[in-house]
PDB file of N, CA and C in Angstrom:
ATOM      1  N   MET A   1     115.912 116.123  48.740  1.00  0.00           N
ATOM      2  CA  MET A   1     114.604 116.788  48.113  1.00  0.00           C
ATOM      3  C   MET A   1     113.929 117.672  49.189  1.00  0.00           C
ATOM      4  N   PRO A   2     113.130 118.436  48.856  1.00  0.00           N
ATOM      5  CA  PRO A   2     112.715 119.243  50.178  1.00  0.00           C
ATOM      6  C   PRO A   2     111.093 118.660  50.007  1.00  0.00           C
ATOM      7  N   ILE A   3     110.282 118.783  51.126  1.00  0.00           N
ATOM      8  CA  ILE A   3     109.106 118.183  51.103  1.00  0.00           C
ATOM      9  C   ILE A   3     108.177 119.179  50.767  1.00  0.00           C
ATOM     10  N   PRO A   4     107.241 118.427  49.563  1.00  0.00           N
ATOM     11  CA  PRO A   4     106.320 119.641  49.332  1.00  0.00           C
ATOM     12  C   PRO A   4     105.480 120.209  50.530  1.00  0.00           C
ATOM     13  N   GLN A   5     104.941 121.303  50.304  1.00  0.00           N
ATOM     14  CA  GLN A   5     104.145 122.216  51.421  1.00  0.00           C
ATOM     15  C   GLN A   5     103.095 121.651  51.482  1.00  0.00           C
ATOM     16  N   GLU A   6     102.265 120.941  50.784  1.00  0.00           N
ATOM     17  CA  GLU A   6     100.826 119.856  51.231  1.00  0.00           C
ATOM     18  C   GLU A   6     101.293 118.933  51.731  1.00  0.00           C
ATOM     19  N   LYS A   7     102.398 118.291  51.710  1.00  0.00           N
ATOM     20  CA  LYS A   7     102.974 117.068  52.609  1.00  0.00           C
ATOM     21  C   LYS A   7     103.268 117.517  54.034  1.00  0.00           C
ATOM     22  N   LYS A   8     103.735 118.562  54.229  1.00  0.00           N
ATOM     23  CA  LYS A   8     104.313 119.008  55.713  1.00  0.00           C
ATOM     24  C   LYS A   8     103.240 118.779  56.655  1.00  0.00           C
ATOM     25  N   PHE A   9     102.261 118.739  56.619  1.00  0.00           N
ATOM     26  CA  PHE A   9     101.219 118.920  57.740  1.00  0.00           C
ATOM     27  C   PHE A   9     100.385 117.735  57.639  1.00  0.00           C
ATOM     28  N   CYS A  10     100.571 116.671  56.884  1.00  0.00           N
ATOM     29  CA  CYS A  10      99.599 115.446  56.618  1.00  0.00           C
ATOM     30  C   CYS A  10      99.661 114.766  57.829  1.00  0.00           C
ATOM     31  N   GLY A  11     101.180 114.386  58.614  1.00  0.00           N
ATOM     32  CA  GLY A  11     100.924 113.668  59.854  1.00  0.00           C
ATOM     33  C   GLY A  11     100.279 114.246  61.018  1.00  0.00           C
ATOM     34  N   MET A  12     100.255 115.702  60.823  1.00  0.00           N
ATOM     35  CA  MET A  12      99.930 116.316  62.181  1.00  0.00           C
ATOM     36  C   MET A  12      98.164 116.370  61.982  1.00  0.00           C
ATOM     37  N   GLY A  13      97.487 116.404  61.056  1.00  0.00           N
ATOM     38  CA  GLY A  13      96.235 115.762  60.937  1.00  0.00           C
ATOM     39  C   GLY A  13      95.885 114.774  61.458  1.00  0.00           C
ATOM     40  N   ILE A  14      96.539 113.542  61.350  1.00  0.00           N
ATOM     41  CA  ILE A  14      96.222 112.384  61.694  1.00  0.00           C
ATOM     42  C   ILE A  14      96.495 112.160  63.455  1.00  0.00           C
ATOM     43  N   LEU A  15      97.375 112.878  63.999  1.00  0.00           N
ATOM     44  CA  LEU A  15      97.902 112.753  65.204  1.00  0.00           C
ATOM     45  C   LEU A  15      96.814 112.954  66.268  1.00  0.00           C
ATOM     46  N   PRO A  16      95.661 113.996  66.354  1.00  0.00           N
ATOM     47  CA  PRO A  16      94.709 114.023  67.058  1.00  0.00           C
ATOM     48  C   PRO A  16      93.762 113.086  67.061  1.00  0.00           C
ATOM     49  N   VAL A  17      93.389 112.475  65.838  1.00  0.00           N
ATOM     50  CA  VAL A  17      92.505 111.435  65.469  1.00  0.00           C
ATOM     51  C   VAL A  17      93.111 110.269  66.356  1.00  0.00           C
ATOM     52  N   LEU A  18      94.637 109.861  66.172  1.00  0.00           N
ATOM     53  CA  LEU A  18      95.225 108.698  67.055  1.00  0.00           C
ATOM     54  C   LEU A  18      94.778 108.977  68.485  1.00  0.00           C
ATOM     55  N   VAL A  19      95.236 110.013  68.861  1.00  0.00           N
ATOM     56  CA  VAL A  19      95.085 110.618  70.195  1.00  0.00           C
ATOM     57  C   VAL A  19      93.773 110.065  70.774  1.00  0.00           C
ATOM     58  N   ILE A  20      92.577 110.278  70.007  1.00  0.00           N
ATOM     59  CA  ILE A  20      91.190 110.344  70.427  1.00  0.00           C
ATOM     60  C   ILE A  20      91.030 108.881  70.464  1.00  0.00           C
ATOM     61  N   PHE A  21      91.418 108.099  69.253  1.00  0.00           N
ATOM     62  CA  PHE A  21      91.112 106.853  69.276  1.00  0.00           C
ATOM     63  C   PHE A  21      92.048 106.207  70.394  1.00  0.00           C
ATOM     64  N   ALA A  22      93.182 106.367  70.873  1.00  0.00           N
ATOM     65  CA  ALA A  22      93.916 105.522  71.900  1.00  0.00           C
ATOM     66  C   ALA A  22      93.022 105.699  73.059  1.00  0.00           C
ATOM     67  N   ARG A  23      92.453 107.221  73.539  1.00  0.00           N
ATOM     68  CA  ARG A  23      91.914 107.458  74.449  1.00  0.00           C
ATOM     69  C   ARG A  23      90.520 106.639  74.745  1.00  0.00           C
ATOM     70  N   GLY A  24      89.833 106.476  73.634  1.00  0.00           N
ATOM     71  CA  GLY A  24      88.663 105.918  73.407  1.00  0.00           C
ATOM     72  C   GLY A  24      88.829 104.315  73.853  1.00  0.00           C
ATOM     73  N   LEU A  25      90.020 103.797  73.218  1.00  0.00           N
ATOM     74  CA  LEU A  25      90.455 102.458  73.752  1.00  0.00           C
ATOM     75  C   LEU A  25      90.701 102.168  75.163  1.00  0.00           C
ATOM     76  N   MET A  26      91.396 103.208  76.017  1.00  0.00           N
ATOM     77  CA  MET A  26      91.942 103.294  77.085  1.00  0.00           C
ATOM     78  C   MET A  26      90.503 103.432  78.090  1.00  0.00           C
ATOM     79  N   MET A  27      89.651 104.048  77.553  1.00  0.00           N
ATOM     80  CA  MET A  27      88.287 104.492  78.233  1.00  0.00           C
ATOM     81  C   MET A  27      87.256 103.209  78.259  1.00  0.00           C
ATOM     82  N   ALA A  28      87.491 102.424  77.196  1.00  0.00           N
ATOM     83  CA  ALA A  28      86.463 101.164  76.889  1.00  0.00           C
ATOM     84  C   ALA A  28      87.374 100.275  77.912  1.00  0.00           C
ATOM     85  N   ARG A  29      88.580 100.014  78.137  1.00  0.00           N
ATOM     86  CA  ARG A  29      89.091  98.993  79.083  1.00  0.00           C
ATOM     87  C   ARG A  29      88.721  99.619  80.265  1.00  0.00           C
ATOM     88  N   LEU A  30      88.857 100.930  80.684  1.00  0.00           N
ATOM     89  CA  LEU A  30      88.798 101.276  82.072  1.00  0.00           C
ATOM     90  C   LEU A  30      87.244 101.007  82.306  1.00  0.00           C
ATOM     91  N   VAL A  31      86.403 100.881  81.718  1.00  0.00           N
ATOM     92  CA  VAL A  31      85.135 100.794  81.862  1.00  0.00           C
ATOM     93  C   VAL A  31      84.583  99.329  82.163  1.00  0.00           C
ATOM     94  N   SER A  32      85.315  98.674  81.005  1.00  0.00           N
ATOM     95  CA  SER A  32      85.405  97.084  81.225  1.00  0.00           C
ATOM     96  C   SER A  32      85.782  96.736  82.761  1.00  0.00           C
ATOM     97  N   ASP A  33      87.063  97.160  83.109  1.00  0.00           N
ATOM     98  CA  ASP A  33      87.588  96.810  84.143  1.00  0.00           C
ATOM     99  C   ASP A  33      86.677  97.093  85.234  1.00  0.00           C
ATOM    100  N   PHE A  34      86.016  98.400  85.364  1.00  0.00           N
ATOM    101  CA  PHE A  34      85.232  98.551  86.591  1.00  0.00           C
ATOM    102  C   PHE A  34      83.934  97.824  86.618  1.00  0.00           C
ATOM    103  N   LYS A  35      83.716  97.025  85.840  1.00  0.00           N
ATOM    104  CA  LYS A  35      82.405  96.541  85.576  1.00  0.00           C
ATOM    105  C   LYS A  35      82.411  95.327  86.507  1.00  0.00           C
ATOM    106  N   VAL A  36      83.736  94.969  86.997  1.00  0.00           N
ATOM    107  CA  VAL A  36      83.941  93.910  87.867  1.00  0.00           C
ATOM    108  C   VAL A  36      83.733  94.220  89.337  1.00  0.00           C
ATOM    109  N   LEU A  37      84.123  95.540  89.426  1.00  0.00           N
ATOM    110  CA  LEU A  37      84.089  96.100  91.067  1.00  0.00           C
ATOM    111  C   LEU A  37      82.533  96.305  91.352  1.00  0.00           C
ATOM    112  N   PRO A  38      82.724  95.864  92.734  1.00  0.00           N
ATOM    113  CA  PRO A  38      81.421  96.305  93.476  1.00  0.00           C
ATOM    114  C   PRO A  38      81.278  97.567  93.891  1.00  0.00           C
ATOM    115  N   LEU A  39      79.638  98.141  93.737  1.00  0.00           N
ATOM    116  CA  LEU A  39      79.601  99.458  93.967  1.00  0.00           C
ATOM    117  C   LEU A  39      79.305  99.468  95.351  1.00  0.00           C
ATOM    118  N   VAL A  40      79.712 100.443  96.244  1.00  0.00           N
ATOM    119  CA  VAL A  40      79.651 101.219  97.529  1.00  0.00           C
ATOM    120  C   VAL A  40      78.492 101.896  97.783  1.00  0.00           C
ATOM    121  N   SER A  41      77.333 101.726  98.338  1.00  0.00           N
ATOM    122  CA  SER A  41      76.281 102.572  98.580  1.00  0.00           C
ATOM    123  C   SER A  41      76.507 103.753  99.621  1.00  0.00           C
ATOM    124  N   PHE A  42      75.658 104.785  99.469  1.00  0.00           N
ATOM    125  CA  PHE A  42      75.735 105.599 100.392  1.00  0.00           C
ATOM    126  C   PHE A  42      74.571 105.239 101.600  1.00  0.00           C
ATOM    127  N   ASP A  43      75.152 104.695 102.678  1.00  0.00           N
ATOM    128  CA  ASP A  43      74.277 104.031 103.515  1.00  0.00           C
ATOM    129  C   ASP A  43      74.193 104.742 104.789  1.00  0.00           C
ATOM    130  N   ALA A  44      73.420 104.510 105.806  1.00  0.00           N
ATOM    131  CA  ALA A  44      73.373 105.064 107.196  1.00  0.00           C
ATOM    132  C   ALA A  44      74.478 105.305 107.965  1.00  0.00           C
ATOM    133  N   GLY A  45      75.526 104.684 107.877  1.00  0.00           N
ATOM    134  CA  GLY A  45      76.878 104.617 108.548  1.00  0.00           C
ATOM    135  C   GLY A  45      77.838 106.036 107.695  1.00  0.00           C
ATOM    136  N   ALA A  46      77.408 105.830 106.488  1.00  0.00           N
ATOM    137  CA  ALA A  46      78.208 106.954 105.421  1.00  0.00           C
ATOM    138  C   ALA A  46      77.630 108.252 105.918  1.00  0.00           C
ATOM    139  N   ALA A  47      76.048 108.245 105.811  1.00  0.00           N
ATOM    140  CA  ALA A  47      75.537 109.532 105.984  1.00  0.00           C
ATOM    141  C   ALA A  47      75.760 110.251 107.609  1.00  0.00           C
ATOM    142  N   THR A  48      76.057 109.064 108.536  1.00  0.00           N
ATOM    143  CA  THR A  48      76.393 109.998 109.670  1.00  0.00           C
ATOM    144  C   THR A  48      77.989 110.421 109.534  1.00  0.00           C
ATOM    145  N   THR A  49      78.876 109.770 109.047  1.00  0.00           N
ATOM    146  CA  THR A  49      80.032 110.424 108.378  1.00  0.00           C
ATOM    147  C   THR A  49      79.892 111.614 107.872  1.00  0.00           C
ATOM    148  N   PHE A  50      78.717 111.526 106.835  1.00  0.00           N
ATOM    149  CA  PHE A  50      78.895 112.703 106.076  1.00  0.00           C
ATOM    150  C   PHE A  50      78.242 114.195 106.813  1.00  0.00           C
ATOM    151  N   ASP A  51      77.456 113.753 107.935  1.00  0.00           N
ATOM    152  CA  ASP A  51      77.097 114.710 108.708  1.00  0.00           C
ATOM    153  C   ASP A  51      78.041 115.309 109.631  1.00  0.00           C
ATOM    154  N   ARG A  52      78.702 114.389 110.028  1.00  0.00           N
ATOM    155  CA  ARG A  52      80.154 114.896 110.889  1.00  0.00           C
ATOM    156  C   ARG A  52      81.092 115.544 109.746  1.00  0.00           C
ATOM    157  N   LEU A  53      81.380 115.408 108.800  1.00  0.00           N
ATOM    158  CA  LEU A  53      82.146 116.200 107.717  1.00  0.00           C
ATOM    159  C   LEU A  53      81.557 117.510 107.547  1.00  0.00           C
ATOM    160  N   GLN A  54      79.973 117.809 107.423  1.00  0.00           N
ATOM    161  CA  GLN A  54      79.281 118.941 107.150  1.00  0.00           C
ATOM    162  C   GLN A  54      79.561 119.731 108.508  1.00  0.00           C
ATOM    163  N   SER A  55      79.660 119.275 109.427  1.00  0.00           N
ATOM    164  CA  SER A  55      79.650 120.007 110.863  1.00  0.00           C
ATOM    165  C   SER A  55      81.173 120.493 110.946  1.00  0.00           C
ATOM    166  N   GLN A  56      82.087 119.945 110.512  1.00  0.00           N
ATOM    167  CA  GLN A  56      83.420 120.574 110.304  1.00  0.00           C
ATOM    168  C   GLN A  56      83.696 121.727 109.669  1.00  0.00           C
ATOM    169  N   ARG A  57      82.517 122.229 108.606  1.00  0.00           N
ATOM    170  CA  ARG A  57      82.599 123.016 107.726  1.00  0.00           C
ATOM    171  C   ARG A  57      83.677 122.980 106.421  1.00  0.00           C
ATOM    172  N   ILE A  58      84.082 121.871 106.240  1.00  0.00           N
ATOM    173  CA  ILE A  58      85.045 121.638 105.252  1.00  0.00           C
ATOM    174  C   ILE A  58      84.805 122.651 103.823  1.00  0.00           C
ATOM    175  N   GLN A  59      85.315 122.998 103.252  1.00  0.00           N
ATOM    176  CA  GLN A  59      84.689 123.597 102.127  1.00  0.00           C
ATOM    177  C   GLN A  59      85.241 122.580 100.779  1.00  0.00           C
ATOM    178  N   LEU A  60      84.038 121.541 100.893  1.00  0.00           N
ATOM    179  CA  LEU A  60      83.801 120.671  99.906  1.00  0.00           C
ATOM    180  C   LEU A  60      82.532 120.473  99.381  1.00  0.00           C
ATOM    181  N   ALA A  61      82.501 120.488  97.849  1.00  0.00           N
ATOM    182  CA  ALA A  61      81.142 120.052  97.270  1.00  0.00           C
ATOM    183  C   ALA A  61      80.614 118.929  98.118  1.00  0.00           C
ATOM    184  N   LYS A  62      79.450 118.951  97.947  1.00  0.00           N
ATOM    185  CA  LYS A  62      77.914 118.044  98.648  1.00  0.00           C
ATOM    186  C   LYS A  62      78.542 116.413  97.981  1.00  0.00           C
ATOM    187  N   MET A  63      78.790 116.224  96.665  1.00  0.00           N
ATOM    188  CA  MET A  63      79.072 115.080  96.181  1.00  0.00           C
ATOM    189  C   MET A  63      80.177 114.539  96.580  1.00  0.00           C
ATOM    190  N   ASP A  64      81.093 115.475  96.617  1.00  0.00           N
ATOM    191  CA  ASP A  64      82.594 114.951  97.273  1.00  0.00           C
ATOM    192  C   ASP A  64      82.742 114.438  98.503  1.00  0.00           C
ATOM    193  N   ALA A  65      81.966 115.605  99.239  1.00  0.00           N
ATOM    194  CA  ALA A  65      81.700 114.935 100.920  1.00  0.00           C
ATOM    195  C   ALA A  65      81.127 113.458 101.157  1.00  0.00           C
ATOM    196  N   ARG A  66      80.183 113.141 100.434  1.00  0.00           N
ATOM    197  CA  ARG A  66      79.310 112.087 100.202  1.00  0.00           C
ATOM    198  C   ARG A  66      80.523 110.871  99.771  1.00  0.00           C
ATOM    199  N   ILE A  67      81.156 111.139  98.859  1.00  0.00           N
ATOM    200  CA  ILE A  67      82.067 110.160  98.637  1.00  0.00           C
ATOM    201  C   ILE A  67      83.358 110.076  99.513  1.00  0.00           C
ATOM    202  N   ALA A  68      83.634 111.204 100.078  1.00  0.00           N
ATOM    203  CA  ALA A  68      84.804 110.911 101.102  1.00  0.00           C
ATOM    204  C   ALA A  68      84.001 110.223 102.318  1.00  0.00           C
ATOM    205  N   ALA A  69      82.806 110.435 102.743  1.00  0.00           N
ATOM    206  CA  ALA A  69      82.186 109.715 103.807  1.00  0.00           C
ATOM    207  C   ALA A  69      82.178 108.309 103.659  1.00  0.00           C
ATOM    208  N   ILE A  70      81.842 107.789 102.317  1.00  0.00           N
ATOM    209  CA  ILE A  70      81.761 106.471 102.257  1.00  0.00           C
ATOM    210  C   ILE A  70      82.800 106.003 102.449  1.00  0.00           C
ATOM    211  N   ALA A  71      83.791 106.509 101.979  1.00  0.00           N
ATOM    212  CA  ALA A  71      85.325 106.085 101.794  1.00  0.00           C
ATOM    213  C   ALA A  71      85.777 105.848 103.247  1.00  0.00           C
ATOM    214  N   MET A  72      85.679 106.853 104.080  1.00  0.00           N
ATOM    215  CA  MET A  72      85.920 106.967 105.288  1.00  0.00           C
ATOM    216  C   MET A  72      85.133 105.886 106.306  1.00  0.00           C
ATOM    217  N   PHE A  73      83.856 105.897 106.122  1.00  0.00           N
ATOM    218  CA  PHE A  73      83.299 104.871 106.946  1.00  0.00           C
ATOM    219  C   PHE A  73      83.429 103.584 106.662  1.00  0.00           C
ATOM    220  N   ARG A  74      83.760 103.365 105.511  1.00  0.00           N
ATOM    221  CA  ARG A  74      84.159 101.841 105.281  1.00  0.00           C
ATOM    222  C   ARG A  74      85.816 101.628 105.232  1.00  0.00           C
ATOM    223  N   GLY A  75      86.435 102.730 105.491  1.00  0.00           N
ATOM    224  CA  GLY A  75      87.970 102.332 105.756  1.00  0.00           C
ATOM    225  C   GLY A  75      88.626 101.965 104.271  1.00  0.00           C
ATOM    226  N   LEU A  76      88.206 102.680 103.433  1.00  0.00           N
ATOM    227  CA  LEU A  76      88.684 102.583 101.915  1.00  0.00           C
ATOM    228  C   LEU A  76      89.544 103.711 101.531  1.00  0.00           C
ATOM    229  N   ILE A  77      90.379 103.201 100.518  1.00  0.00           N
ATOM    230  CA  ILE A  77      91.340 104.334  99.897  1.00  0.00           C
ATOM    231  C   ILE A  77      90.597 104.747  98.831  1.00  0.00           C
ATOM    232  N   LEU A  78      90.734 106.239  98.946  1.00  0.00           N
ATOM    233  CA  LEU A  78      90.126 106.867  97.709  1.00  0.00           C
ATOM    234  C   LEU A  78      90.921 107.212  96.627  1.00  0.00           C
ATOM    235  N   LEU A  79      90.566 106.477  95.456  1.00  0.00           N
ATOM    236  CA  LEU A  79      91.543 106.869  94.237  1.00  0.00           C
ATOM    237  C   LEU A  79      90.927 107.876  93.561  1.00  0.00           C
ATOM    238  N   THR A  80      91.656 108.941  93.473  1.00  0.00           N
ATOM    239  CA  THR A  80      91.251 110.420  92.639  1.00  0.00           C
ATOM    240  C   THR A  80      92.237 111.191  92.264  1.00  0.00           C
ATOM    241  N   ARG A  81      92.189 112.154  91.253  1.00  0.00           N
ATOM    242  CA  ARG A  81      93.240 112.913  90.950  1.00  0.00           C
ATOM    243  C   ARG A  81      92.887 114.200  91.521  1.00  0.00           C
ATOM    244  N   ASN A  82      91.941 114.484  92.636  1.00  0.00           N
ATOM    245  CA  ASN A  82      91.300 115.769  93.007  1.00  0.00           C
ATOM    246  C   ASN A  82      92.132 115.408  94.593  1.00  0.00           C
ATOM    247  N   HIS A  83      93.380 115.865  94.468  1.00  0.00           N
ATOM    248  CA  HIS A  83      94.012 115.951  95.841  1.00  0.00           C
ATOM    249  C   HIS A  83      93.470 117.399  96.429  1.00  0.00           C
ATOM    250  N   ARG A  84      93.470 118.379  95.705  1.00  0.00           N
ATOM    251  CA  ARG A  84      93.156 119.522  96.286  1.00  0.00           C
ATOM    252  C   ARG A  84      92.104 119.751  97.016  1.00  0.00           C
ATOM    253  N   ASP A  85      90.990 119.015  96.757  1.00  0.00           N
ATOM    254  CA  ASP A  85      89.751 119.048  97.508  1.00  0.00           C
ATOM    255  C   ASP A  85      89.701 118.071  98.823  1.00  0.00           C
ATOM    256  N   PHE A  86      90.089 116.697  98.353  1.00  0.00           N
ATOM    257  CA  PHE A  86      89.908 115.644  99.197  1.00  0.00           C
ATOM    258  C   PHE A  86      91.064 115.682 100.468  1.00  0.00           C
ATOM    259  N   ALA A  87      92.229 116.440  99.979  1.00  0.00           N
ATOM    260  CA  ALA A  87      93.173 116.673 100.929  1.00  0.00           C
ATOM    261  C   ALA A  87      92.628 117.671 102.232  1.00  0.00           C
ATOM    262  N   LYS A  88      91.718 118.105 102.023  1.00  0.00           N
ATOM    263  CA  LYS A  88      91.189 119.020 103.185  1.00  0.00           C
ATOM    264  C   LYS A  88      90.537 118.053 104.329  1.00  0.00           C
ATOM    265  N   VAL A  89      90.338 116.693 104.135  1.00  0.00           N
ATOM    266  CA  VAL A  89      89.588 115.831 104.497  1.00  0.00           C
ATOM    267  C   VAL A  89      90.616 115.186 105.907  1.00  0.00           C
ATOM    268  N   THR A  90      90.676 115.522 106.758  1.00  0.00           N
ATOM    269  CA  THR A  90      91.197 114.776 107.667  1.00  0.00           C
ATOM    270  C   THR A  90      90.904 113.373 108.002  1.00  0.00           C
ATOM    271  N   GLY A  91      91.703 112.210 108.018  1.00  0.00           N
ATOM    272  CA  GLY A  91      91.678 111.096 108.019  1.00  0.00           C
ATOM    273  C   GLY A  91      91.142 110.190 106.798  1.00  0.00           C
ATOM    274  N   LEU A  92      91.041 111.039 105.951  1.00  0.00           N
ATOM    275  CA  LEU A  92      90.852 110.042 104.389  1.00  0.00           C
ATOM    276  C   LEU A  92      91.919 109.808 103.694  1.00  0.00           C
ATOM    277  N   SER A  93      92.153 108.652 103.367  1.00  0.00           N
ATOM    278  CA  SER A  93      93.427 108.123 102.737  1.00  0.00           C
ATOM    279  C   SER A  93      92.845 108.439 101.097  1.00  0.00           C
ATOM    280  N   ILE A  94      93.842 108.899 100.573  1.00  0.00           N
ATOM    281  CA  ILE A  94      93.641 109.195  99.334  1.00  0.00           C
ATOM    282  C   ILE A  94      94.891 108.689  98.382  1.00  0.00           C
ATOM    283  N   GLU A  95      94.790 108.400  97.322  1.00  0.00           N
ATOM    284  CA  GLU A  95      95.918 107.853  96.355  1.00  0.00           C
ATOM    285  C   GLU A  95      95.454 108.315  94.749  1.00  0.00           C
ATOM    286  N   ASP A  96      96.434 108.678  94.166  1.00  0.00           N
ATOM    287  CA  ASP A  96      96.306 108.922  92.501  1.00  0.00           C
ATOM    288  C   ASP A  96      96.944 108.020  91.850  1.00  0.00           C
ATOM    289  N   TRP A  97      96.568 107.032  90.984  1.00  0.00           N
ATOM    290  CA  TRP A  97      97.232 106.193  90.281  1.00  0.00           C
ATOM    291  C   TRP A  97      97.452 106.899  88.761  1.00  0.00           C
ATOM    292  N   THR A  98      97.209 107.983  88.636  1.00  0.00           N
ATOM    293  CA  THR A  98      97.509 108.678  87.205  1.00  0.00           C
ATOM    294  C   THR A  98      98.882 109.254  87.078  1.00  0.00           C
ATOM    295  N   VAL A  99      99.479 109.292  88.228  1.00  0.00           N
ATOM    296  CA  VAL A  99     101.083 110.027  88.184  1.00  0.00           C
ATOM    297  C   VAL A  99     102.208 108.454  88.109  1.00  0.00           C
TER     298      VAL A  99
END
């Protein structure tokens, strides 16, 4: 027996809602997980590293350069999906956990 026309797209309407709901749950968990991590400030050491990065004239947005400077000064691995920009910074360790 063929499926009536009005029923054919019923499931497709709910799929985006389920995807948004799942993303919301993942985001809520992500925020919850990040609440327990310490914040790392942009201190004098990071500012010195930032100035050094600026003097190298790397094509990097100012806030990205600040983030890179913090990670470099403290010897941290930067978790990012933005390999295109952060890979320009020599000596910066980056990882992408989304792949």
